[in-house]
Each structure stands twice: as structure tokens, then as C-alpha cells.
Amino acid sequence: MILFSVGLYFFWYSADTAVSELSQFSGVDHWLHQQHSAGWSFVLIMVGIMARLIMMFFYFSLFKYIFLILGSPIFSYLSEKTESIMEEREFIFNRRIFYDDIRRGIKLALRNFGWQTVYTIFILLLSLIPLAGSLAPVISGLVECYYYGFSMLDYSCARHKLSTAESIRFIGQRRGLAIGNGLVFYGMHLVPFVGWVLAPSYALVAATISLYHQNIDS
């Protein structure tokens, strides 16, 4: 929560500064001052607002992956601890497996960030099309939920020795499960403070339980 709040402040400040300096560098401010046109002023104000919102949308996507990378040691531990409780066995910490899971979580987060960036560009282009653009926020939200749920589910896949390619195929066949996990995660953020703190752990435990009775190894 603290990381998100601090990051949000500095990103909004930098986004506002970037848009303002770009406007001055391109000469748009000087040109607008010469035009004395209320219509053009309104258009450029809206363009500035949209640019800031797009940059904030990018921040939310970027922050999610920063959080997943920084939290990978905790998520790896929590997933294995959850399964050991369900199997009623003693949890034995394995340092090598622990570090392997962290490296895999970071690698997968970077991979998902790349693909989500590509999809985001297409979604932004879709938003410019009348009528069809109204679907852009819905599609964007589902993509966000899918990739977050994907990361949570992969810890169980890694523990069952699935390669990255096998995990991608396995979870891809269960897109609804990944999206549902991400929806609950983001939905919990509607509860101030408590939801923000508990949402990541809840999503990870829910992902581990949901895959426990499925034949992952096959």
C-alpha cells in the first residue's frame, strides 16, 4: 500500500511535468496563445487530460509487475506453505527450489509485461474507434485480471515441475480461472486499507487451492 501510494504520487507528478514540457517544447502553448480560440483551447486541454490518463493507465500496469517481482519471495513461500497445510504435511524449506521459484516468477512477470504492453497498444488504438472504443475499458480490465491471475497460478505450476511453456499452455486453457482470480484481487481493493493489504495474499492462496485438486502434472 505504501509502495503504491508513493509510486502513484511521483508518477502523476512526472506525467504532468512531461506533458507540460512537451507542450512547451513543441510550441503548442505559444501557437494557442496566438490563436485566441476557445475551441482549440478546449481540444488541447482534452488531449492533455487524455495523455495524462494514458500515462496513468500505463503506470497501473507497470506497478503490478514491479509488485509481482518484489513480492515473488513472499508469494513463493506462501504458495508452498498453503499446499503443505492442505496436505497436512510438515513444511520443509528448500533454499534451492525457493530461489528457482523467485527467478521464474521474475522472468514470467517480465514476459507478461511485454505481452500486456503489446495488447495495451492495440486496446488504445481500439479506443479511438467510435462505438467499438466503448469496449476498450472492459477488454483492458480483463487483460489486467488475466495476467495477474496468471502470475498467481504459475507458482503452483512451477512447484509441480511444469516448464514455463507448459505453464503458459496449462493456464491458457483455464483463462476463466485466471481472470476470476484477478477480478477478486482488484475487487478487494474496493475495501480501503484492509482490502489493499490482504488482496495479494488472498489471491495467491485462492490460486493455490483452486489448482490443488486439478491434475497439473498431466
C-alpha atoms as a PDB file:
ATOM      1  CA  MET A   1       0.000   0.000   0.000  1.00  0.00           C
ATOM      2  CA  ILE A   2       2.837   2.385   0.885  1.00  0.00           C
ATOM      3  CA  LEU A   3       4.748   1.447  -2.265  1.00  0.00           C
ATOM      4  CA  PHE A   4       1.668   2.028  -4.397  1.00  0.00           C
ATOM      5  CA  SER A   5       0.851   5.406  -2.806  1.00  0.00           C
ATOM      6  CA  VAL A   6       4.394   6.765  -3.106  1.00  0.00           C
ATOM      7  CA  GLY A   7       4.734   5.481  -6.652  1.00  0.00           C
ATOM      8  CA  LEU A   8       1.385   6.982  -7.646  1.00  0.00           C
ATOM      9  CA  TYR A   9       2.389  10.415  -6.354  1.00  0.00           C
ATOM     10  CA  PHE A  10       5.728  10.529  -8.143  1.00  0.00           C
ATOM     11  CA  PHE A  11       4.359   9.058 -11.366  1.00  0.00           C
ATOM     12  CA  TRP A  12       1.489  11.558 -11.514  1.00  0.00           C
ATOM     13  CA  TYR A  13       3.940  14.396 -10.864  1.00  0.00           C
ATOM     14  CA  SER A  14       6.344  13.188 -13.561  1.00  0.00           C
ATOM     15  CA  ALA A  15       3.496  12.576 -16.043  1.00  0.00           C
ATOM     16  CA  ASP A  16       2.149  16.092 -15.507  1.00  0.00           C
ATOM     17  CA  THR A  17       5.635  17.567 -15.918  1.00  0.00           C
ATOM     18  CA  ALA A  18       6.301  15.538 -19.087  1.00  0.00           C
ATOM     19  CA  VAL A  19       3.058  16.663 -20.761  1.00  0.00           C
ATOM     20  CA  SER A  20       3.643  20.316 -19.817  1.00  0.00           C
ATOM     21  CA  GLU A  21       7.244  20.347 -21.050  1.00  0.00           C
ATOM     22  CA  LEU A  22       6.304  18.576 -24.288  1.00  0.00           C
ATOM     23  CA  SER A  23       3.616  21.182 -24.899  1.00  0.00           C
ATOM     24  CA  GLN A  24       6.113  23.996 -24.403  1.00  0.00           C
ATOM     25  CA  PHE A  25       8.861  22.313 -26.444  1.00  0.00           C
ATOM     26  CA  SER A  26       6.551  21.703 -29.419  1.00  0.00           C
ATOM     27  CA  GLY A  27       5.411  25.340 -29.378  1.00  0.00           C
ATOM     28  CA  VAL A  28       1.752  24.400 -28.897  1.00  0.00           C
ATOM     29  CA  ASP A  29       1.322  26.806 -25.969  1.00  0.00           C
ATOM     30  CA  HIS A  30       2.708  29.738 -27.985  1.00  0.00           C
ATOM     31  CA  TRP A  31       0.582  28.837 -31.023  1.00  0.00           C
ATOM     32  CA  LEU A  32      -2.551  28.507 -28.904  1.00  0.00           C
ATOM     33  CA  HIS A  33      -1.898  31.894 -27.297  1.00  0.00           C
ATOM     34  CA  GLN A  34      -1.765  33.485 -30.756  1.00  0.00           C
ATOM     35  CA  GLN A  35      -4.999  31.841 -31.929  1.00  0.00           C
ATOM     36  CA  HIS A  36      -7.262  33.174 -29.169  1.00  0.00           C
ATOM     37  CA  SER A  37      -9.620  30.262 -29.940  1.00  0.00           C
ATOM     38  CA  ALA A  38     -11.789  28.783 -27.211  1.00  0.00           C
ATOM     39  CA  GLY A  39     -12.446  25.722 -29.396  1.00  0.00           C
ATOM     40  CA  TRP A  40      -8.759  24.901 -29.876  1.00  0.00           C
ATOM     41  CA  SER A  41      -8.104  25.547 -26.176  1.00  0.00           C
ATOM     42  CA  PHE A  42     -10.772  23.004 -25.248  1.00  0.00           C
ATOM     43  CA  VAL A  43      -9.381  20.425 -27.688  1.00  0.00           C
ATOM     44  CA  LEU A  44      -5.823  20.770 -26.400  1.00  0.00           C
ATOM     45  CA  ILE A  45      -6.971  20.633 -22.786  1.00  0.00           C
ATOM     46  CA  MET A  46      -8.799  17.371 -23.518  1.00  0.00           C
ATOM     47  CA  VAL A  47      -5.747  15.995 -25.331  1.00  0.00           C
ATOM     48  CA  GLY A  48      -3.615  16.867 -22.304  1.00  0.00           C
ATOM     49  CA  ILE A  49      -6.042  15.144 -19.951  1.00  0.00           C
ATOM     50  CA  MET A  50      -6.163  12.034 -22.152  1.00  0.00           C
ATOM     51  CA  ALA A  51      -2.362  11.932 -22.339  1.00  0.00           C
ATOM     52  CA  ARG A  52      -2.120  12.045 -18.549  1.00  0.00           C
ATOM     53  CA  LEU A  53      -4.774   9.343 -18.160  1.00  0.00           C
ATOM     54  CA  ILE A  54      -2.996   7.093 -20.675  1.00  0.00           C
ATOM     55  CA  MET A  55       0.266   7.520 -18.775  1.00  0.00           C
ATOM     56  CA  MET A  56      -1.519   6.711 -15.509  1.00  0.00           C
ATOM     57  CA  PHE A  57      -3.033   3.615 -17.113  1.00  0.00           C
ATOM     58  CA  PHE A  58       0.492   2.588 -18.087  1.00  0.00           C
ATOM     59  CA  TYR A  59       1.614   3.179 -14.505  1.00  0.00           C
ATOM     60  CA  PHE A  60      -1.035   0.869 -13.072  1.00  0.00           C
ATOM     61  CA  SER A  61       0.096  -1.882 -15.447  1.00  0.00           C
ATOM     62  CA  LEU A  62       3.761  -1.257 -14.711  1.00  0.00           C
ATOM     63  CA  PHE A  63       3.249  -1.136 -10.941  1.00  0.00           C
ATOM     64  CA  LYS A  64       1.564  -4.528 -10.942  1.00  0.00           C
ATOM     65  CA  TYR A  65       4.689  -6.170 -12.363  1.00  0.00           C
ATOM     66  CA  ILE A  66       7.037  -4.260 -10.069  1.00  0.00           C
ATOM     67  CA  PHE A  67       4.921  -5.523  -7.184  1.00  0.00           C
ATOM     68  CA  LEU A  68       4.987  -9.106  -8.504  1.00  0.00           C
ATOM     69  CA  ILE A  69       8.770  -9.002  -8.873  1.00  0.00           C
ATOM     70  CA  LEU A  70       9.390  -7.527  -5.404  1.00  0.00           C
ATOM     71  CA  GLY A  71       6.835  -9.853  -3.818  1.00  0.00           C
ATOM     72  CA  SER A  72       7.997 -13.047  -5.530  1.00  0.00           C
ATOM     73  CA  PRO A  73       9.890 -14.377  -2.445  1.00  0.00           C
ATOM     74  CA  ILE A  74       6.766 -13.997  -0.285  1.00  0.00           C
ATOM     75  CA  PHE A  75       4.444 -15.445  -2.943  1.00  0.00           C
ATOM     76  CA  SER A  76       6.699 -18.465  -3.494  1.00  0.00           C
ATOM     77  CA  TYR A  77       6.846 -19.194   0.237  1.00  0.00           C
ATOM     78  CA  LEU A  78       3.112 -18.654   0.779  1.00  0.00           C
ATOM     79  CA  SER A  79       2.079 -20.907  -2.106  1.00  0.00           C
ATOM     80  CA  GLU A  80       4.185 -23.827  -0.895  1.00  0.00           C
ATOM     81  CA  LYS A  81       3.101 -23.276   2.715  1.00  0.00           C
ATOM     82  CA  THR A  82      -0.562 -23.320   1.644  1.00  0.00           C
ATOM     83  CA  GLU A  83      -0.178 -26.647  -0.145  1.00  0.00           C
ATOM     84  CA  SER A  84       1.672 -28.204   2.800  1.00  0.00           C
ATOM     85  CA  ILE A  85      -1.225 -27.251   5.099  1.00  0.00           C
ATOM     86  CA  MET A  86      -3.765 -28.777   2.701  1.00  0.00           C
ATOM     87  CA  GLU A  87      -1.756 -31.995   2.510  1.00  0.00           C
ATOM     88  CA  GLU A  88      -1.268 -31.998   6.299  1.00  0.00           C
ATOM     89  CA  ARG A  89       2.465 -32.413   5.965  1.00  0.00           C
ATOM     90  CA  GLU A  90       5.343 -30.574   7.545  1.00  0.00           C
ATOM     91  CA  PHE A  91       6.595 -27.645   5.514  1.00  0.00           C
ATOM     92  CA  ILE A  92      10.290 -28.140   4.703  1.00  0.00           C
ATOM     93  CA  PHE A  93      12.047 -25.075   3.345  1.00  0.00           C
ATOM     94  CA  ASN A  94      14.263 -25.820   0.340  1.00  0.00           C
ATOM     95  CA  ARG A  95      16.559 -22.909  -0.435  1.00  0.00           C
ATOM     96  CA  ARG A  96      17.388 -24.029  -3.999  1.00  0.00           C
ATOM     97  CA  ILE A  97      13.748 -24.533  -5.011  1.00  0.00           C
ATOM     98  CA  PHE A  98      12.843 -21.275  -3.293  1.00  0.00           C
ATOM     99  CA  TYR A  99      15.374 -19.293  -5.339  1.00  0.00           C
ATOM    100  CA  ASP A 100      14.378 -21.116  -8.536  1.00  0.00           C
ATOM    101  CA  ASP A 101      10.749 -20.122  -7.976  1.00  0.00           C
ATOM    102  CA  ILE A 102      11.775 -16.494  -7.412  1.00  0.00           C
ATOM    103  CA  ARG A 103      13.788 -16.395 -10.646  1.00  0.00           C
ATOM    104  CA  ARG A 104      10.925 -17.991 -12.533  1.00  0.00           C
ATOM    105  CA  GLY A 105       8.406 -15.532 -11.064  1.00  0.00           C
ATOM    106  CA  ILE A 106      10.563 -12.573 -12.109  1.00  0.00           C
ATOM    107  CA  LYS A 107      11.140 -13.989 -15.592  1.00  0.00           C
ATOM    108  CA  LEU A 108       7.438 -14.667 -16.105  1.00  0.00           C
ATOM    109  CA  ALA A 109       6.474 -11.205 -14.817  1.00  0.00           C
ATOM    110  CA  LEU A 110       8.794  -9.591 -17.378  1.00  0.00           C
ATOM    111  CA  ARG A 111       7.403 -11.818 -20.132  1.00  0.00           C
ATOM    112  CA  ASN A 112       3.798 -10.976 -19.235  1.00  0.00           C
ATOM    113  CA  PHE A 113       4.637  -7.280 -19.034  1.00  0.00           C
ATOM    114  CA  GLY A 114       5.933  -7.390 -22.610  1.00  0.00           C
ATOM    115  CA  TRP A 115       2.816  -9.098 -23.947  1.00  0.00           C
ATOM    116  CA  GLN A 116       0.446  -6.904 -21.979  1.00  0.00           C
ATOM    117  CA  THR A 117       2.203  -3.810 -23.360  1.00  0.00           C
ATOM    118  CA  VAL A 118       1.539  -5.075 -26.896  1.00  0.00           C
ATOM    119  CA  TYR A 119      -2.126  -5.711 -26.084  1.00  0.00           C
ATOM    120  CA  THR A 120      -2.408  -2.312 -24.416  1.00  0.00           C
ATOM    121  CA  ILE A 121      -1.257  -0.574 -27.586  1.00  0.00           C
ATOM    122  CA  PHE A 122      -3.967  -2.350 -29.587  1.00  0.00           C
ATOM    123  CA  ILE A 123      -6.556  -1.515 -26.932  1.00  0.00           C
ATOM    124  CA  LEU A 124      -5.586   2.164 -27.048  1.00  0.00           C
ATOM    125  CA  LEU A 125      -5.971   2.116 -30.839  1.00  0.00           C
ATOM    126  CA  LEU A 126      -9.364   0.426 -30.406  1.00  0.00           C
ATOM    127  CA  SER A 127     -10.435   3.188 -28.028  1.00  0.00           C
ATOM    128  CA  LEU A 128     -10.120   5.692 -30.887  1.00  0.00           C
ATOM    129  CA  ILE A 129     -12.793   3.871 -32.938  1.00  0.00           C
ATOM    130  CA  PRO A 130     -16.365   5.124 -32.319  1.00  0.00           C
ATOM    131  CA  LEU A 131     -18.686   2.608 -30.601  1.00  0.00           C
ATOM    132  CA  ALA A 132     -16.016  -0.117 -30.590  1.00  0.00           C
ATOM    133  CA  GLY A 133     -13.955   2.122 -28.328  1.00  0.00           C
ATOM    134  CA  SER A 134     -16.557   1.731 -25.598  1.00  0.00           C
ATOM    135  CA  LEU A 135     -15.414  -1.883 -25.206  1.00  0.00           C
ATOM    136  CA  ALA A 136     -11.783  -0.876 -24.685  1.00  0.00           C
ATOM    137  CA  PRO A 137     -12.039  -0.359 -20.882  1.00  0.00           C
ATOM    138  CA  VAL A 138     -13.737  -3.751 -20.441  1.00  0.00           C
ATOM    139  CA  ILE A 139     -11.136  -5.545 -22.552  1.00  0.00           C
ATOM    140  CA  SER A 140      -8.338  -3.722 -20.765  1.00  0.00           C
ATOM    141  CA  GLY A 141      -9.717  -4.746 -17.372  1.00  0.00           C
ATOM    142  CA  LEU A 142      -9.993  -8.404 -18.382  1.00  0.00           C
ATOM    143  CA  VAL A 143      -6.423  -8.402 -19.697  1.00  0.00           C
ATOM    144  CA  GLU A 144      -5.218  -6.873 -16.417  1.00  0.00           C
ATOM    145  CA  CYS A 145      -7.067  -9.533 -14.402  1.00  0.00           C
ATOM    146  CA  TYR A 146      -5.855 -12.389 -16.605  1.00  0.00           C
ATOM    147  CA  TYR A 147      -2.169 -11.576 -16.307  1.00  0.00           C
ATOM    148  CA  TYR A 148      -2.353 -11.024 -12.559  1.00  0.00           C
ATOM    149  CA  GLY A 149      -4.202 -14.309 -12.057  1.00  0.00           C
ATOM    150  CA  PHE A 150      -1.706 -15.963 -14.415  1.00  0.00           C
ATOM    151  CA  SER A 151       1.190 -14.972 -12.150  1.00  0.00           C
ATOM    152  CA  MET A 152      -0.592 -16.301  -9.052  1.00  0.00           C
ATOM    153  CA  LEU A 153      -1.420 -19.641 -10.676  1.00  0.00           C
ATOM    154  CA  ASP A 154       2.091 -20.170 -12.027  1.00  0.00           C
ATOM    155  CA  TYR A 155       3.588 -20.707  -8.561  1.00  0.00           C
ATOM    156  CA  SER A 156       1.612 -23.955  -8.285  1.00  0.00           C
ATOM    157  CA  CYS A 157       2.619 -24.943 -11.811  1.00  0.00           C
ATOM    158  CA  ALA A 158       6.290 -24.336 -11.005  1.00  0.00           C
ATOM    159  CA  ARG A 159       6.058 -26.462  -7.869  1.00  0.00           C
ATOM    160  CA  HIS A 160       4.699 -29.337  -9.982  1.00  0.00           C
ATOM    161  CA  LYS A 161       7.700 -29.079 -12.346  1.00  0.00           C
ATOM    162  CA  LEU A 162       5.875 -27.601 -15.328  1.00  0.00           C
ATOM    163  CA  SER A 163       8.158 -25.670 -17.631  1.00  0.00           C
ATOM    164  CA  THR A 164       7.321 -22.080 -18.491  1.00  0.00           C
ATOM    165  CA  ALA A 165       5.908 -23.152 -21.867  1.00  0.00           C
ATOM    166  CA  GLU A 166       3.823 -25.916 -20.251  1.00  0.00           C
ATOM    167  CA  SER A 167       2.539 -23.472 -17.617  1.00  0.00           C
ATOM    168  CA  ILE A 168       1.542 -20.963 -20.297  1.00  0.00           C
ATOM    169  CA  ARG A 169      -0.400 -23.665 -22.145  1.00  0.00           C
ATOM    170  CA  PHE A 170      -1.954 -25.068 -18.942  1.00  0.00           C
ATOM    171  CA  ILE A 171      -3.176 -21.697 -17.661  1.00  0.00           C
ATOM    172  CA  GLY A 172      -4.174 -20.602 -21.163  1.00  0.00           C
ATOM    173  CA  GLN A 173      -6.680 -23.456 -21.151  1.00  0.00           C
ATOM    174  CA  ARG A 174      -8.086 -22.050 -17.891  1.00  0.00           C
ATOM    175  CA  ARG A 175      -8.389 -18.376 -18.767  1.00  0.00           C
ATOM    176  CA  GLY A 176     -11.613 -18.032 -16.795  1.00  0.00           C
ATOM    177  CA  LEU A 177      -9.861 -19.188 -13.627  1.00  0.00           C
ATOM    178  CA  ALA A 178      -7.031 -16.690 -14.125  1.00  0.00           C
ATOM    179  CA  ILE A 179      -9.449 -13.840 -14.871  1.00  0.00           C
ATOM    180  CA  GLY A 180     -11.615 -14.762 -11.870  1.00  0.00           C
ATOM    181  CA  ASN A 181      -8.596 -14.694  -9.577  1.00  0.00           C
ATOM    182  CA  GLY A 182      -7.593 -11.272 -10.881  1.00  0.00           C
ATOM    183  CA  LEU A 183     -11.156  -9.949 -10.548  1.00  0.00           C
ATOM    184  CA  VAL A 184     -11.299 -10.895  -6.870  1.00  0.00           C
ATOM    185  CA  PHE A 185      -7.883  -9.307  -6.331  1.00  0.00           C
ATOM    186  CA  TYR A 186      -8.936  -5.987  -7.842  1.00  0.00           C
ATOM    187  CA  GLY A 187     -12.385  -6.214  -6.247  1.00  0.00           C
ATOM    188  CA  MET A 188     -10.833  -6.441  -2.776  1.00  0.00           C
ATOM    189  CA  HIS A 189      -9.156  -3.096  -3.418  1.00  0.00           C
ATOM    190  CA  LEU A 190     -12.597  -1.509  -3.111  1.00  0.00           C
ATOM    191  CA  VAL A 191     -12.285  -2.118   0.625  1.00  0.00           C
ATOM    192  CA  PRO A 192      -9.955   0.651   1.892  1.00  0.00           C
ATOM    193  CA  PHE A 193      -6.753  -0.343   3.690  1.00  0.00           C
ATOM    194  CA  VAL A 194      -7.822  -3.856   4.753  1.00  0.00           C
ATOM    195  CA  GLY A 195      -8.508  -4.957   1.169  1.00  0.00           C
ATOM    196  CA  TRP A 196      -5.298  -3.359  -0.068  1.00  0.00           C
ATOM    197  CA  VAL A 197      -3.226  -5.277   2.480  1.00  0.00           C
ATOM    198  CA  LEU A 198      -4.971  -8.667   2.221  1.00  0.00           C
ATOM    199  CA  ALA A 199      -5.684  -8.826  -1.534  1.00  0.00           C
ATOM    200  CA  PRO A 200      -2.264 -10.158  -2.705  1.00  0.00           C
ATOM    201  CA  SER A 201      -2.079 -12.954  -0.116  1.00  0.00           C
ATOM    202  CA  TYR A 202      -5.746 -13.862  -0.642  1.00  0.00           C
ATOM    203  CA  ALA A 203      -5.239 -14.101  -4.422  1.00  0.00           C
ATOM    204  CA  LEU A 204      -2.179 -16.333  -4.006  1.00  0.00           C
ATOM    205  CA  VAL A 205      -3.851 -18.696  -1.515  1.00  0.00           C
ATOM    206  CA  ALA A 206      -7.002 -18.848  -3.681  1.00  0.00           C
ATOM    207  CA  ALA A 207      -4.893 -19.698  -6.755  1.00  0.00           C
ATOM    208  CA  THR A 208      -3.089 -22.488  -4.893  1.00  0.00           C
ATOM    209  CA  ILE A 209      -6.343 -24.006  -3.593  1.00  0.00           C
ATOM    210  CA  SER A 210      -8.068 -23.772  -6.980  1.00  0.00           C
ATOM    211  CA  LEU A 211      -5.345 -25.814  -8.668  1.00  0.00           C
ATOM    212  CA  TYR A 212      -4.821 -28.288  -5.836  1.00  0.00           C
ATOM    213  CA  HIS A 213      -7.467 -30.782  -6.996  1.00  0.00           C
ATOM    214  CA  GLN A 214      -6.549 -30.487 -10.680  1.00  0.00           C
ATOM    215  CA  ASN A 215      -4.124 -32.854 -12.329  1.00  0.00           C
ATOM    216  CA  ILE A 216      -1.394 -30.334 -13.051  1.00  0.00           C
ATOM    217  CA  ASP A 217       1.280 -32.935 -13.741  1.00  0.00           C
ATOM    218  CA  SER A 218      -0.617 -34.307 -16.752  1.00  0.00           C
END
